Amino acid sequence: MSAWLTPDQLTRDLSVRDLTDPAAGPHAIQLVLTRVVDALAARWRCQVRWVRGDRVVTVEDNYDNLGYDRSDITRDARYTRYVDHGRVLRSHSSAMVPAALRTLAGDPAADVLLVCPGIVYRRDAIDRLHTGTPHQLDLWRLTRRRPRLTEADLDDMISTVLGALLPGATDRREARTHPYTVAGRQVDVLRDGAWIEVAECGLAHPAVLARAGLDDSWSGLALGLGLDRMLMLLKDIPDIRLLRSTHPGVVEQMGDLTRYRPVSTMPAIRRDISIAVGADDHTEDLGDRVREALGADADCVESVEILQQTPCADLPERALARLGARTDQKNLLVRITLRHLHRTLSDQDANAMRDRVHAAVHQGSTTPADGDLG
């Protein structure tokens, strides 16, 4: 299979609506954007520049110009959607930053907030919190003013963002390493007894600024947010699929930031399948294959969960033969939970989708009978 997207796949991916873009229609995600940008602009009294770059970006801007090592695993075609050898569908909103920095170098401002929102493309798991087309926001403050920006300024930025979006939330800030920051942090908030990641941030890395033509007179702050997750926290939305729902009762609630009111609860249908896959396959790989196999029906999949995994070398000969597996593969017991957001699925619907999923993810040489699929 080619590491590059086919023309049909590229057309499909580019047709997905960017919920951050007012030109595609209003959505509550845009209210999240406005709230946080207004708060930072008022705090800093700086110029604001909005950046809405192309969804197809160069490999250099997606990775190299942000300081990613050439051997970084994230560059692998399993995690990045390559258009061709030099271009990808942006895998994070930070891919818009190098071009924005180059523009700033050509048209400087004393103190500016770069706002880079948009849809991104990920190889990701399927569950209530994850999607292959999430929305992200990069906020970079760049200045030539003295004194230079410091970790104290970064903490102030974090507090301003959380105060605007999740006032009163308990948060923690832990050290993290990013190729495009110095003194990197991960920001989590406490919700229902669990810590939930909401942001990654740090001081803008001098090498990233230098690649864009900004000399050492500049200093900066860099913060990235997951907009889908933030909106779900703000409105208490239980399932990420609801953000794109076309059900009138849901659509009308995606125009404000008030608490989400459940429209309906459909029954879940679960199907377990036993499959053979590569030894290094993970939940994200399965999620991507399931989305590809089901197309528009992928919205019916609530989650894909690995219940058990066993090296095929440890299986008895009979089990190996049934799967048509090789000893260098592994056997996964996978649970597929199907739940349409607005109608009840029949057993026939569920079995048909189960069979399509099995055909897409099983890498053995045999196809078990229906009774073996679960």
Protein backbone atom coordinates (compact mmCIF):
# COMPACT_ATOMS: atom_id res chain seq x y z
CA MET A 1 0.00 0.00 0.00
CA SER A 2 1.32 3.46 -0.94
CA ALA A 3 2.49 5.74 1.85
CA TRP A 4 0.80 8.61 0.00
CA LEU A 5 -2.87 9.52 0.03
CA THR A 6 -4.80 8.64 -3.09
CA PRO A 7 -6.56 11.49 -4.94
CA ASP A 8 -9.90 10.26 -3.57
CA GLN A 9 -8.57 10.15 -0.01
CA LEU A 10 -7.13 13.65 -0.33
CA THR A 11 -10.39 15.02 -1.72
CA ARG A 12 -12.31 13.38 1.11
CA ASP A 13 -9.99 14.74 3.80
CA LEU A 14 -9.97 18.26 2.39
CA SER A 15 -13.78 18.28 2.25
CA VAL A 16 -14.12 17.86 6.03
CA ARG A 17 -15.50 21.09 7.47
CA ASP A 18 -13.12 23.19 9.55
CA LEU A 19 -15.28 24.17 12.53
CA THR A 20 -12.91 27.01 13.46
CA ASP A 21 -13.54 28.83 10.17
CA PRO A 22 -16.48 31.30 10.16
CA ALA A 23 -16.53 31.10 6.35
CA ALA A 24 -17.83 27.52 6.71
CA GLY A 25 -20.60 28.61 9.10
CA PRO A 26 -20.85 29.47 12.81
CA HIS A 27 -19.90 26.99 15.52
CA ALA A 28 -19.28 27.14 19.27
CA ILE A 29 -15.58 26.35 18.71
CA GLN A 30 -15.28 29.83 17.21
CA LEU A 31 -16.62 31.31 20.47
CA VAL A 32 -13.87 29.47 22.36
CA LEU A 33 -11.33 31.03 19.99
CA THR A 34 -12.71 34.54 20.43
CA ARG A 35 -12.84 34.26 24.20
CA VAL A 36 -9.23 33.19 24.63
CA VAL A 37 -7.79 35.60 22.04
CA ASP A 38 -9.69 38.54 23.50
CA ALA A 39 -8.42 37.68 26.98
CA LEU A 40 -4.78 37.54 25.90
CA ALA A 41 -5.02 40.68 23.76
CA ALA A 42 -6.53 42.59 26.68
CA ARG A 43 -3.88 41.26 29.05
CA TRP A 44 -0.94 42.16 26.83
CA ARG A 45 -2.39 45.05 24.78
CA CYS A 46 -0.55 43.67 21.78
CA GLN A 47 -1.31 43.43 18.07
CA VAL A 48 -3.23 40.30 17.02
CA ARG A 49 -2.58 38.55 13.70
CA TRP A 50 -4.84 35.70 12.62
CA VAL A 51 -3.22 33.01 10.49
CA ARG A 52 -5.27 30.48 8.52
CA GLY A 53 -2.80 28.51 6.47
CA ASP A 54 -3.41 25.82 3.88
CA ARG A 55 -4.27 22.35 5.12
CA VAL A 56 -1.59 20.91 2.84
CA VAL A 57 1.82 22.04 4.11
CA THR A 58 5.42 21.20 3.39
CA VAL A 59 7.20 18.53 5.38
CA GLU A 60 9.67 21.26 6.32
CA ASP A 61 7.01 23.43 7.98
CA ASN A 62 5.24 20.49 9.60
CA TYR A 63 8.47 19.10 11.07
CA ASP A 64 11.91 20.48 10.13
CA ASN A 65 11.29 24.18 10.76
CA LEU A 66 9.81 23.32 14.16
CA GLY A 67 12.93 21.43 15.19
CA TYR A 68 11.70 17.84 14.83
CA ASP A 69 14.50 15.33 14.43
CA ARG A 70 14.61 13.56 11.07
CA SER A 71 14.32 10.21 12.86
CA ASP A 72 11.25 11.19 14.91
CA ILE A 73 8.64 8.42 14.83
CA THR A 74 5.86 10.92 14.26
CA ARG A 75 7.12 11.41 10.69
CA ASP A 76 6.24 7.81 9.82
CA ALA A 77 3.39 7.38 7.34
CA ARG A 78 1.53 5.48 10.04
CA TYR A 79 1.08 8.78 11.91
CA THR A 80 1.25 11.41 9.15
CA ARG A 81 -0.89 11.72 6.02
CA TYR A 82 1.56 12.27 3.18
CA VAL A 83 0.28 13.93 0.00
CA ASP A 84 3.59 13.29 -1.77
CA HIS A 85 7.27 13.12 -0.84
CA GLY A 86 7.41 16.82 0.13
CA ARG A 87 3.90 17.64 1.40
CA VAL A 88 1.55 16.44 4.12
CA LEU A 89 -1.85 17.22 5.55
CA ARG A 90 -0.85 19.28 8.57
CA SER A 91 -0.69 17.04 11.62
CA HIS A 92 -0.82 19.90 14.14
CA SER A 93 -1.68 23.59 14.13
CA SER A 94 1.98 24.36 14.86
CA ALA A 95 2.59 23.62 11.16
CA MET A 96 1.15 27.10 10.44
CA VAL A 97 3.67 28.79 12.72
CA PRO A 98 6.87 28.75 10.58
CA ALA A 99 5.12 30.61 7.73
CA ALA A 100 3.59 33.05 10.22
CA LEU A 101 7.03 33.70 11.69
CA ARG A 102 8.52 34.31 8.25
CA THR A 103 5.76 36.81 7.55
CA LEU A 104 6.51 38.51 10.86
CA ALA A 105 10.20 38.74 9.94
CA GLY A 106 9.22 40.58 6.75
CA ASP A 107 6.64 42.78 8.49
CA PRO A 108 7.76 43.16 12.12
CA ALA A 109 5.63 44.29 15.06
CA ALA A 110 6.92 45.32 18.46
CA ASP A 111 4.59 42.94 20.27
CA VAL A 112 2.25 40.54 18.49
CA LEU A 113 0.04 37.53 19.17
CA LEU A 114 -0.04 35.03 16.30
CA VAL A 115 -3.33 33.09 16.29
CA CYS A 116 -3.18 29.85 14.27
CA PRO A 117 -6.41 27.79 14.47
CA GLY A 118 -7.62 24.99 12.27
CA ILE A 119 -8.44 21.40 11.54
CA VAL A 120 -5.55 18.93 11.62
CA TYR A 121 -5.15 15.33 10.53
CA ARG A 122 -4.04 12.59 12.89
CA ARG A 123 -3.73 8.83 12.98
CA ASP A 124 -5.71 8.37 16.19
CA ALA A 125 -7.70 5.96 18.29
CA ILE A 126 -11.50 5.85 18.10
CA ASP A 127 -13.29 6.68 21.32
CA ARG A 128 -15.46 9.41 22.80
CA LEU A 129 -12.54 11.84 23.13
CA HIS A 130 -10.54 11.23 19.93
CA THR A 131 -11.01 11.78 16.22
CA GLY A 132 -8.78 11.68 13.17
CA THR A 133 -9.69 15.30 12.33
CA PRO A 134 -9.43 17.34 15.54
CA HIS A 135 -9.18 21.13 15.79
CA GLN A 136 -6.20 22.81 17.39
CA LEU A 137 -5.04 26.32 18.21
CA ASP A 138 -1.50 27.66 18.41
CA LEU A 139 -0.97 30.96 20.24
CA TRP A 140 2.50 32.49 19.87
CA ARG A 141 3.41 35.82 21.41
CA LEU A 142 6.52 37.40 19.87
CA THR A 143 8.13 40.61 21.04
CA ARG A 144 11.27 42.69 20.80
CA ARG A 145 10.46 44.56 23.97
CA ARG A 146 12.68 44.33 26.99
CA PRO A 147 12.94 42.59 29.34
CA ARG A 148 12.77 39.31 27.43
CA LEU A 149 9.83 36.99 28.03
CA THR A 150 10.42 34.44 30.79
CA GLU A 151 8.83 31.46 32.48
CA ALA A 152 6.95 33.89 34.71
CA ASP A 153 5.33 35.32 31.58
CA LEU A 154 4.52 31.78 30.46
CA ASP A 155 2.77 31.07 33.76
CA ASP A 156 0.82 34.30 33.37
CA MET A 157 -0.22 33.22 29.87
CA ILE A 158 -1.42 29.85 31.16
CA SER A 159 -3.39 31.50 33.95
CA THR A 160 -4.99 33.97 31.53
CA VAL A 161 -6.03 31.21 29.14
CA LEU A 162 -7.49 29.04 31.89
CA GLY A 163 -9.19 32.02 33.51
CA ALA A 164 -10.90 32.83 30.22
CA LEU A 165 -11.99 29.30 29.37
CA LEU A 166 -12.19 27.29 32.60
CA PRO A 167 -12.42 29.79 35.46
CA GLY A 168 -11.93 28.23 38.86
CA ALA A 169 -10.48 25.00 37.48
CA THR A 170 -7.72 23.26 39.41
CA ASP A 171 -4.69 22.82 37.18
CA ARG A 172 -1.22 21.32 37.25
CA ARG A 173 1.78 22.25 35.11
CA GLU A 174 4.41 19.60 34.48
CA ALA A 175 7.67 19.79 32.56
CA ARG A 176 7.61 18.45 28.99
CA THR A 177 10.06 18.49 26.10
CA HIS A 178 8.97 19.89 22.72
CA PRO A 179 11.28 20.51 19.76
CA TYR A 180 9.92 24.05 19.29
CA THR A 181 10.03 25.26 22.91
CA VAL A 182 12.37 25.77 25.83
CA ALA A 183 11.13 25.10 29.37
CA GLY A 184 8.17 23.19 27.95
CA ARG A 185 5.08 22.43 30.02
CA GLN A 186 1.98 20.29 29.84
CA VAL A 187 -1.13 21.79 31.43
CA ASP A 188 -3.82 19.51 32.88
CA VAL A 189 -7.07 20.39 34.63
CA LEU A 190 -8.94 18.34 37.20
CA ARG A 191 -12.42 17.23 36.13
CA ASP A 192 -14.52 14.58 37.92
CA GLY A 193 -11.50 13.28 39.80
CA ALA A 194 -9.31 12.83 36.70
CA TRP A 195 -6.55 14.96 35.19
CA ILE A 196 -7.28 16.01 31.61
CA GLU A 197 -4.61 17.49 29.34
CA VAL A 198 -5.68 20.82 27.84
CA ALA A 199 -2.49 22.52 26.62
CA GLU A 200 1.19 22.17 25.75
CA CYS A 201 3.39 25.26 25.97
CA GLY A 202 6.81 26.76 26.58
CA LEU A 203 9.14 29.58 25.64
CA ALA A 204 9.53 29.88 21.87
CA HIS A 205 12.74 28.08 20.88
CA PRO A 206 15.39 30.53 19.57
CA ALA A 207 16.35 28.06 16.81
CA VAL A 208 12.77 28.01 15.48
CA LEU A 209 12.72 31.81 15.43
CA ALA A 210 16.13 31.94 13.74
CA ARG A 211 15.02 29.58 10.94
CA ALA A 212 12.22 32.04 10.16
CA GLY A 213 14.58 35.03 10.04
CA LEU A 214 13.95 36.40 13.54
CA ASP A 215 17.23 37.20 15.27
CA ASP A 216 18.05 36.99 18.97
CA SER A 217 16.44 40.36 19.67
CA TRP A 218 13.13 38.45 19.66
CA SER A 219 11.67 36.37 22.47
CA GLY A 220 8.40 34.51 22.59
CA LEU A 221 5.80 32.29 24.24
CA ALA A 222 4.16 29.32 22.51
CA LEU A 223 0.97 27.58 23.63
CA GLY A 224 -1.15 24.96 21.88
CA LEU A 225 -4.73 23.98 22.76
CA GLY A 226 -6.99 21.15 21.70
CA LEU A 227 -10.15 23.06 20.79
CA ASP A 228 -12.48 20.04 20.62
CA ARG A 229 -11.46 18.96 24.13
CA MET A 230 -11.80 22.50 25.45
CA LEU A 231 -15.31 22.90 24.02
CA MET A 232 -16.32 19.54 25.44
CA LEU A 233 -15.13 20.64 28.87
CA LEU A 234 -16.86 24.00 28.61
CA LYS A 235 -20.23 22.57 27.55
CA ASP A 236 -19.93 19.17 29.25
CA ILE A 237 -20.30 17.34 25.91
CA PRO A 238 -19.84 13.57 26.42
CA ASP A 239 -18.90 12.47 22.88
CA ILE A 240 -16.66 14.25 20.35
CA ARG A 241 -18.88 13.07 17.48
CA LEU A 242 -21.58 15.46 18.69
CA LEU A 243 -19.50 18.45 17.58
CA ARG A 244 -20.19 17.53 13.95
CA SER A 245 -23.69 16.15 14.41
CA THR A 246 -26.33 17.29 11.89
CA HIS A 247 -29.22 16.47 14.22
CA PRO A 248 -31.25 19.70 14.63
CA GLY A 249 -31.43 19.27 18.40
CA VAL A 250 -27.63 19.14 18.58
CA VAL A 251 -26.89 21.76 15.91
CA GLU A 252 -28.90 24.39 17.75
CA GLN A 253 -26.73 23.82 20.83
CA MET A 254 -23.49 24.34 18.91
CA GLY A 255 -24.13 28.06 18.62
CA ASP A 256 -23.29 28.98 22.21
CA LEU A 257 -21.24 27.89 25.23
CA THR A 258 -24.10 26.91 27.53
CA ARG A 259 -24.18 23.43 29.06
CA TYR A 260 -25.07 20.68 26.59
CA ARG A 261 -28.50 19.06 27.00
CA PRO A 262 -28.63 15.41 25.87
CA VAL A 263 -30.88 14.96 22.84
CA SER A 264 -31.25 11.19 23.01
CA THR A 265 -29.42 8.09 24.16
CA MET A 266 -29.27 5.24 21.68
CA PRO A 267 -28.41 1.70 22.81
CA ALA A 268 -24.87 0.46 22.24
CA ILE A 269 -24.09 -2.73 20.33
CA ARG A 270 -20.79 -4.47 20.98
CA ARG A 271 -18.97 -6.89 18.73
CA ASP A 272 -15.68 -8.64 19.56
CA ILE A 273 -13.30 -9.83 16.88
CA SER A 274 -10.06 -11.80 17.05
CA ILE A 275 -7.47 -10.69 14.50
CA ALA A 276 -3.83 -11.00 13.55
CA VAL A 277 -1.85 -7.78 13.04
CA GLY A 278 1.73 -6.60 12.88
CA ALA A 279 3.70 -6.83 16.11
CA ASP A 280 4.05 -3.04 16.30
CA ASP A 281 0.42 -2.13 15.53
CA HIS A 282 -1.41 -0.02 18.11
CA THR A 283 -4.90 1.33 18.78
CA GLU A 284 -4.19 4.36 16.59
CA ASP A 285 -3.40 2.11 13.61
CA LEU A 286 -6.66 0.21 14.09
CA GLY A 287 -8.61 3.43 14.42
CA ASP A 288 -7.29 4.75 11.14
CA ARG A 289 -8.06 1.52 9.28
CA VAL A 290 -11.57 1.40 10.73
CA ARG A 291 -12.29 4.97 9.59
CA GLU A 292 -11.01 4.15 6.12
CA ALA A 293 -13.05 0.94 5.90
CA LEU A 294 -16.35 2.39 7.10
CA GLY A 295 -16.23 5.79 5.41
CA ALA A 296 -19.37 7.73 6.32
CA ASP A 297 -20.47 4.90 8.64
CA ALA A 298 -17.42 5.53 10.85
CA ASP A 299 -19.59 7.97 12.80
CA CYS A 300 -21.46 4.92 14.14
CA VAL A 301 -18.33 3.67 15.93
CA GLU A 302 -18.19 4.86 19.51
CA SER A 303 -14.92 3.11 20.33
CA VAL A 304 -12.40 0.50 19.22
CA GLU A 305 -10.75 -1.09 22.26
CA ILE A 306 -8.00 -3.71 22.48
CA LEU A 307 -9.12 -6.12 25.21
CA GLN A 308 -6.21 -8.55 24.98
CA GLN A 309 -3.05 -9.03 22.93
CA THR A 310 -0.91 -12.14 22.61
CA PRO A 311 2.25 -12.74 20.54
CA CYS A 312 1.27 -15.21 17.83
CA ALA A 313 4.40 -17.18 18.67
CA ASP A 314 2.67 -18.05 21.96
CA LEU A 315 -0.52 -19.35 20.32
CA PRO A 316 -1.21 -23.06 19.78
CA GLU A 317 -0.96 -24.33 16.21
CA ARG A 318 -4.73 -24.66 15.91
CA ALA A 319 -5.26 -20.99 16.77
CA LEU A 320 -2.52 -19.92 14.35
CA ALA A 321 -4.14 -21.91 11.58
CA ARG A 322 -7.59 -20.48 12.32
CA LEU A 323 -6.24 -16.94 12.09
CA GLY A 324 -3.89 -17.64 9.21
CA ALA A 325 -1.31 -15.82 11.33
CA ARG A 326 2.48 -15.74 11.27
CA THR A 327 4.56 -16.12 14.38
CA ASP A 328 6.02 -12.60 13.95
CA GLN A 329 2.51 -11.11 14.32
CA LYS A 330 0.32 -10.65 17.38
CA ASN A 331 -3.25 -11.70 18.08
CA LEU A 332 -5.65 -9.00 19.28
CA LEU A 333 -9.06 -9.41 20.84
CA VAL A 334 -10.79 -6.19 19.83
CA ARG A 335 -14.10 -4.82 21.06
CA ILE A 336 -16.01 -2.59 18.67
CA THR A 337 -18.73 -0.50 20.31
CA LEU A 338 -21.32 0.79 17.85
CA ARG A 339 -23.80 3.49 18.80
CA HIS A 340 -25.41 5.82 16.29
CA LEU A 341 -25.95 9.22 17.85
CA HIS A 342 -29.55 9.58 16.68
CA ARG A 343 -31.04 6.22 15.66
CA THR A 344 -31.00 2.60 16.80
CA LEU A 345 -28.74 0.24 14.89
CA SER A 346 -30.11 -3.18 14.02
CA ASP A 347 -28.16 -6.40 14.57
CA GLN A 348 -27.91 -6.65 10.80
CA ASP A 349 -26.36 -3.16 10.63
CA ALA A 350 -23.92 -4.05 13.40
CA ASN A 351 -22.88 -7.36 11.86
CA ALA A 352 -22.31 -5.77 8.46
CA MET A 353 -20.06 -3.08 9.96
CA ARG A 354 -18.25 -5.67 12.08
CA ASP A 355 -17.48 -7.69 8.94
CA ARG A 356 -16.19 -4.59 7.12
CA VAL A 357 -13.98 -3.71 10.08
CA HIS A 358 -12.64 -7.25 10.30
CA ALA A 359 -11.75 -7.28 6.61
CA ALA A 360 -9.89 -3.99 7.02
CA VAL A 361 -7.85 -4.78 10.14
CA HIS A 362 -7.20 -8.53 10.01
CA GLN A 363 -3.81 -9.33 8.47
CA GLY A 364 -4.05 -13.09 8.58
CA SER A 365 -4.46 -15.29 5.52
CA THR A 366 -7.81 -16.75 6.53
CA THR A 367 -11.27 -15.29 7.11
CA PRO A 368 -13.04 -16.84 10.12
CA ALA A 369 -16.65 -17.85 9.87
CA ASP A 370 -19.29 -15.49 11.24
CA GLY A 371 -19.45 -17.41 14.50
CA ASP A 372 -15.76 -16.75 15.10
CA LEU A 373 -16.09 -13.01 14.69
CA GLY A 374 -18.15 -12.40 17.82
